[in-house]
Amino acid sequence: MNILRFTIFLVITLFFLNSAFASFPVKKGIKAGLNITSSSGNLVETEYKNGFTGGLFLCTAISRKLFIQPELLFSAKGYKFEAEFFDGKVTFNYIELPIIIKVWIFRQTLKNSHLYLGPVVSYNISATYKTTIYDSRLTGDIENINKLDYGLIFGCNWGFSDNIFIDLRYNLSLNDWDSINKGYKHRVISIILNYIF
């Protein structure tokens, strides 16, 4: 799937969601936070790498306790690696479209507090590496990348007020980011601050 097809898919999905939400009150918001990321299947010792995530979201009720929330996010993923004679980091940048179902918990005591689960589709816009071998520094693009990724997001959020809440979520990738080698999947923990207009 190339960028044109992904863009068409994104536009159609957002149009469908906008039409579906037309008869319900819709809340709009922005979010920004921290990704703590790693990758499965690596052949060298890896460490977690921090990255930025942020974007826009809509949220509407589908019952008294159920909500649907589509999001459009930028998400930086990757990992650090280290071996005897070299170290470095790998960075993957994605545009993501999660669509999550939220269940309202502790309704009487905590505002904007939910458990949630949903699918996510991601499109890779860049994949780069930086490494140091002895005293030499190398940078470049990573080849053999699967542009399309998909997976599941699950987590919870706590509300500080009617307009501000924080997410804690886990993004479980179900597709290999390496188009040749198997078993290379992203693992992402995110802590995100949200604001509803």
C-alpha atoms as a PDB file:
ATOM      1  CA  MET A   1       0.000   0.000   0.000  1.00  0.00           C
ATOM      2  CA  ASN A   2       1.579   3.307  -1.070  1.00  0.00           C
ATOM      3  CA  ILE A   3       1.032   6.739   0.441  1.00  0.00           C
ATOM      4  CA  LEU A   4      -1.731   7.625  -2.060  1.00  0.00           C
ATOM      5  CA  ARG A   5      -3.785   4.560  -1.179  1.00  0.00           C
ATOM      6  CA  PHE A   6      -3.273   5.166   2.523  1.00  0.00           C
ATOM      7  CA  THR A   7      -4.378   8.802   2.128  1.00  0.00           C
ATOM      8  CA  ILE A   8      -7.516   7.723   0.242  1.00  0.00           C
ATOM      9  CA  PHE A   9      -8.250   5.144   2.933  1.00  0.00           C
ATOM     10  CA  LEU A  10      -7.767   7.809   5.616  1.00  0.00           C
ATOM     11  CA  VAL A  11     -10.068  10.326   3.922  1.00  0.00           C
ATOM     12  CA  ILE A  12     -12.822   7.740   3.354  1.00  0.00           C
ATOM     13  CA  THR A  13     -12.577   6.528   6.955  1.00  0.00           C
ATOM     14  CA  LEU A  14     -12.750  10.056   8.397  1.00  0.00           C
ATOM     15  CA  PHE A  15     -15.683  10.906   6.098  1.00  0.00           C
ATOM     16  CA  PHE A  16     -17.532   7.781   7.233  1.00  0.00           C
ATOM     17  CA  LEU A  17     -16.858   8.556  10.895  1.00  0.00           C
ATOM     18  CA  ASN A  18     -17.965  12.168  10.462  1.00  0.00           C
ATOM     19  CA  SER A  19     -21.230  10.984   8.880  1.00  0.00           C
ATOM     20  CA  ALA A  20     -21.743   8.392  11.600  1.00  0.00           C
ATOM     21  CA  PHE A  21     -21.209  11.012  14.306  1.00  0.00           C
ATOM     22  CA  ALA A  22     -23.566  13.556  12.744  1.00  0.00           C
ATOM     23  CA  SER A  23     -26.493  12.605  15.006  1.00  0.00           C
ATOM     24  CA  PHE A  24     -24.423  12.547  18.234  1.00  0.00           C
ATOM     25  CA  PRO A  25     -22.639  15.288  20.212  1.00  0.00           C
ATOM     26  CA  VAL A  26     -18.987  15.097  19.233  1.00  0.00           C
ATOM     27  CA  LYS A  27     -16.093  16.219  21.388  1.00  0.00           C
ATOM     28  CA  LYS A  28     -12.902  17.329  19.647  1.00  0.00           C
ATOM     29  CA  GLY A  29      -9.453  17.412  21.166  1.00  0.00           C
ATOM     30  CA  ILE A  30      -5.699  17.352  20.852  1.00  0.00           C
ATOM     31  CA  LYS A  31      -3.164  15.072  22.487  1.00  0.00           C
ATOM     32  CA  ALA A  32       0.607  14.907  22.938  1.00  0.00           C
ATOM     33  CA  GLY A  33       2.895  12.667  24.903  1.00  0.00           C
ATOM     34  CA  LEU A  34       5.748  10.210  25.197  1.00  0.00           C
ATOM     35  CA  ASN A  35       6.323   6.884  23.446  1.00  0.00           C
ATOM     36  CA  ILE A  36       8.563   4.349  25.194  1.00  0.00           C
ATOM     37  CA  THR A  37       9.404   1.937  22.392  1.00  0.00           C
ATOM     38  CA  SER A  38      11.260  -1.259  21.592  1.00  0.00           C
ATOM     39  CA  SER A  39      11.230  -4.033  19.001  1.00  0.00           C
ATOM     40  CA  SER A  40      10.959  -7.784  19.193  1.00  0.00           C
ATOM     41  CA  GLY A  41      13.194 -10.111  17.196  1.00  0.00           C
ATOM     42  CA  ASN A  42      16.459  -8.151  17.271  1.00  0.00           C
ATOM     43  CA  LEU A  43      19.797  -9.944  16.981  1.00  0.00           C
ATOM     44  CA  VAL A  44      21.700  -7.508  19.203  1.00  0.00           C
ATOM     45  CA  GLU A  45      21.026  -6.279  22.735  1.00  0.00           C
ATOM     46  CA  THR A  46      18.410  -3.544  22.607  1.00  0.00           C
ATOM     47  CA  GLU A  47      17.184  -0.836  24.952  1.00  0.00           C
ATOM     48  CA  TYR A  48      14.012   1.235  25.083  1.00  0.00           C
ATOM     49  CA  LYS A  49      13.949   4.438  23.052  1.00  0.00           C
ATOM     50  CA  ASN A  50      11.817   7.509  23.763  1.00  0.00           C
ATOM     51  CA  GLY A  51       9.828   9.255  21.045  1.00  0.00           C
ATOM     52  CA  PHE A  52       7.066  11.814  20.534  1.00  0.00           C
ATOM     53  CA  THR A  53       3.430  11.066  19.797  1.00  0.00           C
ATOM     54  CA  GLY A  54       0.604  13.515  19.269  1.00  0.00           C
ATOM     55  CA  GLY A  55      -2.348  14.495  17.134  1.00  0.00           C
ATOM     56  CA  LEU A  56      -6.105  15.002  17.026  1.00  0.00           C
ATOM     57  CA  PHE A  57      -9.115  13.003  18.152  1.00  0.00           C
ATOM     58  CA  LEU A  58     -12.906  12.913  18.120  1.00  0.00           C
ATOM     59  CA  CYS A  59     -15.052  11.263  20.782  1.00  0.00           C
ATOM     60  CA  THR A  60     -18.760  10.542  20.964  1.00  0.00           C
ATOM     61  CA  ALA A  61     -21.057   8.403  23.105  1.00  0.00           C
ATOM     62  CA  ILE A  62     -22.721   5.323  21.630  1.00  0.00           C
ATOM     63  CA  SER A  63     -24.461   4.510  24.932  1.00  0.00           C
ATOM     64  CA  ARG A  64     -24.395   5.765  28.540  1.00  0.00           C
ATOM     65  CA  LYS A  65     -21.088   4.009  29.241  1.00  0.00           C
ATOM     66  CA  LEU A  66     -19.622   3.297  25.793  1.00  0.00           C
ATOM     67  CA  PHE A  67     -17.732   5.778  23.602  1.00  0.00           C
ATOM     68  CA  ILE A  68     -15.973   5.588  20.249  1.00  0.00           C
ATOM     69  CA  GLN A  69     -12.816   7.643  19.697  1.00  0.00           C
ATOM     70  CA  PRO A  70     -10.999   7.830  16.344  1.00  0.00           C
ATOM     71  CA  GLU A  71      -7.596   9.506  16.372  1.00  0.00           C
ATOM     72  CA  LEU A  72      -5.098  10.800  13.824  1.00  0.00           C
ATOM     73  CA  LEU A  73      -1.579  10.700  15.258  1.00  0.00           C
ATOM     74  CA  PHE A  74       2.089  11.135  14.511  1.00  0.00           C
ATOM     75  CA  SER A  75       4.052   8.439  16.329  1.00  0.00           C
ATOM     76  CA  ALA A  76       7.833   8.009  16.633  1.00  0.00           C
ATOM     77  CA  LYS A  77       8.963   4.464  17.408  1.00  0.00           C
ATOM     78  CA  GLY A  78      12.241   2.547  17.395  1.00  0.00           C
ATOM     79  CA  TYR A  79      14.909   1.162  19.684  1.00  0.00           C
ATOM     80  CA  LYS A  80      18.479   1.595  20.836  1.00  0.00           C
ATOM     81  CA  PHE A  81      21.052  -1.154  20.364  1.00  0.00           C
ATOM     82  CA  GLU A  82      24.453  -1.943  21.773  1.00  0.00           C
ATOM     83  CA  ALA A  83      27.142  -4.542  21.069  1.00  0.00           C
ATOM     84  CA  GLU A  84      30.833  -4.906  21.840  1.00  0.00           C
ATOM     85  CA  PHE A  85      32.169  -2.555  19.177  1.00  0.00           C
ATOM     86  CA  PHE A  86      29.164  -0.467  18.165  1.00  0.00           C
ATOM     87  CA  ASP A  87      25.959   1.149  19.383  1.00  0.00           C
ATOM     88  CA  GLY A  88      23.232   3.320  17.972  1.00  0.00           C
ATOM     89  CA  LYS A  89      19.513   3.818  17.521  1.00  0.00           C
ATOM     90  CA  VAL A  90      16.798   3.168  14.966  1.00  0.00           C
ATOM     91  CA  THR A  91      13.854   5.555  14.460  1.00  0.00           C
ATOM     92  CA  PHE A  92      10.567   4.828  12.676  1.00  0.00           C
ATOM     93  CA  ASN A  93       8.063   7.640  12.104  1.00  0.00           C
ATOM     94  CA  TYR A  94       4.426   6.759  11.478  1.00  0.00           C
ATOM     95  CA  ILE A  95       1.065   8.339  10.749  1.00  0.00           C
ATOM     96  CA  GLU A  96      -1.481   6.345  12.764  1.00  0.00           C
ATOM     97  CA  LEU A  97      -5.251   5.925  12.747  1.00  0.00           C
ATOM     98  CA  PRO A  98      -6.498   4.244  15.959  1.00  0.00           C
ATOM     99  CA  ILE A  99     -10.233   3.686  16.468  1.00  0.00           C
ATOM    100  CA  ILE A 100     -10.868   2.769  20.090  1.00  0.00           C
ATOM    101  CA  ILE A 101     -13.933   1.793  22.108  1.00  0.00           C
ATOM    102  CA  LYS A 102     -13.972   3.271  25.613  1.00  0.00           C
ATOM    103  CA  VAL A 103     -15.894   2.002  28.643  1.00  0.00           C
ATOM    104  CA  TRP A 104     -16.679   4.523  31.362  1.00  0.00           C
ATOM    105  CA  ILE A 105     -15.575   3.270  34.793  1.00  0.00           C
ATOM    106  CA  PHE A 106     -16.072   4.755  38.254  1.00  0.00           C
ATOM    107  CA  ARG A 107     -18.593   7.131  36.755  1.00  0.00           C
ATOM    108  CA  GLN A 108     -19.656   8.597  40.077  1.00  0.00           C
ATOM    109  CA  THR A 109     -16.164   9.347  41.400  1.00  0.00           C
ATOM    110  CA  LEU A 110     -13.774   9.932  38.463  1.00  0.00           C
ATOM    111  CA  LYS A 111     -14.435  12.145  35.457  1.00  0.00           C
ATOM    112  CA  ASN A 112     -13.237  11.013  32.005  1.00  0.00           C
ATOM    113  CA  SER A 113     -11.955   7.686  33.360  1.00  0.00           C
ATOM    114  CA  HIS A 114     -12.165   4.765  30.933  1.00  0.00           C
ATOM    115  CA  LEU A 115     -10.790   1.407  29.905  1.00  0.00           C
ATOM    116  CA  TYR A 116     -10.388   1.048  26.140  1.00  0.00           C
ATOM    117  CA  LEU A 117      -9.438  -1.254  23.290  1.00  0.00           C
ATOM    118  CA  GLY A 118      -9.320  -0.927  19.528  1.00  0.00           C
ATOM    119  CA  PRO A 119      -7.498  -1.481  16.247  1.00  0.00           C
ATOM    120  CA  VAL A 120      -4.808   0.795  14.829  1.00  0.00           C
ATOM    121  CA  VAL A 121      -3.506   1.159  11.267  1.00  0.00           C
ATOM    122  CA  SER A 122      -0.135   2.879  10.718  1.00  0.00           C
ATOM    123  CA  TYR A 123       1.771   4.109   7.682  1.00  0.00           C
ATOM    124  CA  ASN A 124       5.546   4.492   7.826  1.00  0.00           C
ATOM    125  CA  ILE A 125       6.835   7.852   6.558  1.00  0.00           C
ATOM    126  CA  SER A 126      10.516   7.361   7.445  1.00  0.00           C
ATOM    127  CA  ALA A 127      12.929   4.794   8.896  1.00  0.00           C
ATOM    128  CA  THR A 128      16.488   5.823   9.770  1.00  0.00           C
ATOM    129  CA  TYR A 129      19.458   4.653  11.796  1.00  0.00           C
ATOM    130  CA  LYS A 130      22.369   6.303  13.587  1.00  0.00           C
ATOM    131  CA  THR A 131      25.284   4.175  14.734  1.00  0.00           C
ATOM    132  CA  THR A 132      28.802   4.582  16.078  1.00  0.00           C
ATOM    133  CA  ILE A 133      31.407   1.955  15.189  1.00  0.00           C
ATOM    134  CA  TYR A 134      34.593   2.641  17.139  1.00  0.00           C
ATOM    135  CA  ASP A 135      34.940   6.405  16.475  1.00  0.00           C
ATOM    136  CA  SER A 136      33.040   6.489  13.179  1.00  0.00           C
ATOM    137  CA  ARG A 137      29.471   7.744  13.048  1.00  0.00           C
ATOM    138  CA  LEU A 138      27.121   6.475  10.350  1.00  0.00           C
ATOM    139  CA  THR A 139      23.577   7.496   9.445  1.00  0.00           C
ATOM    140  CA  GLY A 140      21.185   6.393   6.740  1.00  0.00           C
ATOM    141  CA  ASP A 141      17.791   5.091   5.710  1.00  0.00           C
ATOM    142  CA  ILE A 142      16.625   1.580   6.520  1.00  0.00           C
ATOM    143  CA  GLU A 143      15.564  -0.504   3.544  1.00  0.00           C
ATOM    144  CA  ASN A 144      13.113  -3.402   3.336  1.00  0.00           C
ATOM    145  CA  ILE A 145      10.470  -1.684   5.481  1.00  0.00           C
ATOM    146  CA  ASN A 146       6.837  -2.727   5.482  1.00  0.00           C
ATOM    147  CA  LYS A 147       5.096   0.591   4.966  1.00  0.00           C
ATOM    148  CA  LEU A 148       1.837  -0.630   6.460  1.00  0.00           C
ATOM    149  CA  ASP A 149       1.551  -1.705  10.084  1.00  0.00           C
ATOM    150  CA  TYR A 150      -1.501  -2.738  12.051  1.00  0.00           C
ATOM    151  CA  GLY A 151      -2.202  -3.871  15.567  1.00  0.00           C
ATOM    152  CA  LEU A 152      -4.196  -3.386  18.759  1.00  0.00           C
ATOM    153  CA  ILE A 153      -4.233  -0.590  21.303  1.00  0.00           C
ATOM    154  CA  PHE A 154      -5.451  -1.112  24.842  1.00  0.00           C
ATOM    155  CA  GLY A 155      -5.170   1.013  27.937  1.00  0.00           C
ATOM    156  CA  CYS A 156      -6.920   3.390  30.284  1.00  0.00           C
ATOM    157  CA  ASN A 157      -7.281   7.086  30.970  1.00  0.00           C
ATOM    158  CA  TRP A 158      -7.829   9.202  34.068  1.00  0.00           C
ATOM    159  CA  GLY A 159      -9.537  12.566  34.040  1.00  0.00           C
ATOM    160  CA  PHE A 160      -8.389  15.616  35.979  1.00  0.00           C
ATOM    161  CA  SER A 161     -11.387  17.663  34.832  1.00  0.00           C
ATOM    162  CA  ASP A 162     -14.050  17.690  32.121  1.00  0.00           C
ATOM    163  CA  ASN A 163     -11.423  18.835  29.607  1.00  0.00           C
ATOM    164  CA  ILE A 164      -8.099  17.310  30.656  1.00  0.00           C
ATOM    165  CA  PHE A 165      -7.174  13.652  31.008  1.00  0.00           C
ATOM    166  CA  ILE A 166      -4.113  11.435  30.680  1.00  0.00           C
ATOM    167  CA  ASP A 167      -3.749   8.164  28.733  1.00  0.00           C
ATOM    168  CA  LEU A 168      -1.658   5.125  29.552  1.00  0.00           C
ATOM    169  CA  ARG A 169      -1.719   2.741  26.587  1.00  0.00           C
ATOM    170  CA  TYR A 170       0.074  -0.191  24.985  1.00  0.00           C
ATOM    171  CA  ASN A 171       0.352  -0.536  21.213  1.00  0.00           C
ATOM    172  CA  LEU A 172       0.788  -4.180  20.179  1.00  0.00           C
ATOM    173  CA  SER A 173       1.956  -4.437  16.563  1.00  0.00           C
ATOM    174  CA  LEU A 174       0.721  -7.508  14.679  1.00  0.00           C
ATOM    175  CA  ASN A 175       2.773  -6.997  11.513  1.00  0.00           C
ATOM    176  CA  ASP A 176       6.550  -7.217  10.988  1.00  0.00           C
ATOM    177  CA  TRP A 177       8.203  -3.893  10.239  1.00  0.00           C
ATOM    178  CA  ASP A 178      10.953  -5.787   8.366  1.00  0.00           C
ATOM    179  CA  SER A 179       9.679  -6.986   4.983  1.00  0.00           C
ATOM    180  CA  ILE A 180      12.282  -9.796   4.790  1.00  0.00           C
ATOM    181  CA  ASN A 181      12.985 -11.099   8.300  1.00  0.00           C
ATOM    182  CA  LYS A 182      10.149 -12.385  10.443  1.00  0.00           C
ATOM    183  CA  GLY A 183       9.435 -11.609  14.079  1.00  0.00           C
ATOM    184  CA  TYR A 184      10.416  -7.914  14.056  1.00  0.00           C
ATOM    185  CA  LYS A 185       7.486  -6.059  15.607  1.00  0.00           C
ATOM    186  CA  HIS A 186       7.084  -2.737  17.408  1.00  0.00           C
ATOM    187  CA  ARG A 187       6.237  -2.638  21.112  1.00  0.00           C
ATOM    188  CA  VAL A 188       5.076   0.765  22.368  1.00  0.00           C
ATOM    189  CA  ILE A 189       4.020   2.110  25.762  1.00  0.00           C
ATOM    190  CA  SER A 190       2.561   5.633  25.603  1.00  0.00           C
ATOM    191  CA  ILE A 191       1.812   8.277  28.218  1.00  0.00           C
ATOM    192  CA  ILE A 192      -0.324  11.000  26.634  1.00  0.00           C
ATOM    193  CA  LEU A 193      -1.899  14.243  27.858  1.00  0.00           C
ATOM    194  CA  ASN A 194      -5.281  15.071  26.262  1.00  0.00           C
ATOM    195  CA  TYR A 195      -7.256  18.290  26.039  1.00  0.00           C
ATOM    196  CA  ILE A 196     -10.909  18.524  24.914  1.00  0.00           C
ATOM    197  CA  PHE A 197     -12.031  21.819  23.365  1.00  0.00           C
END
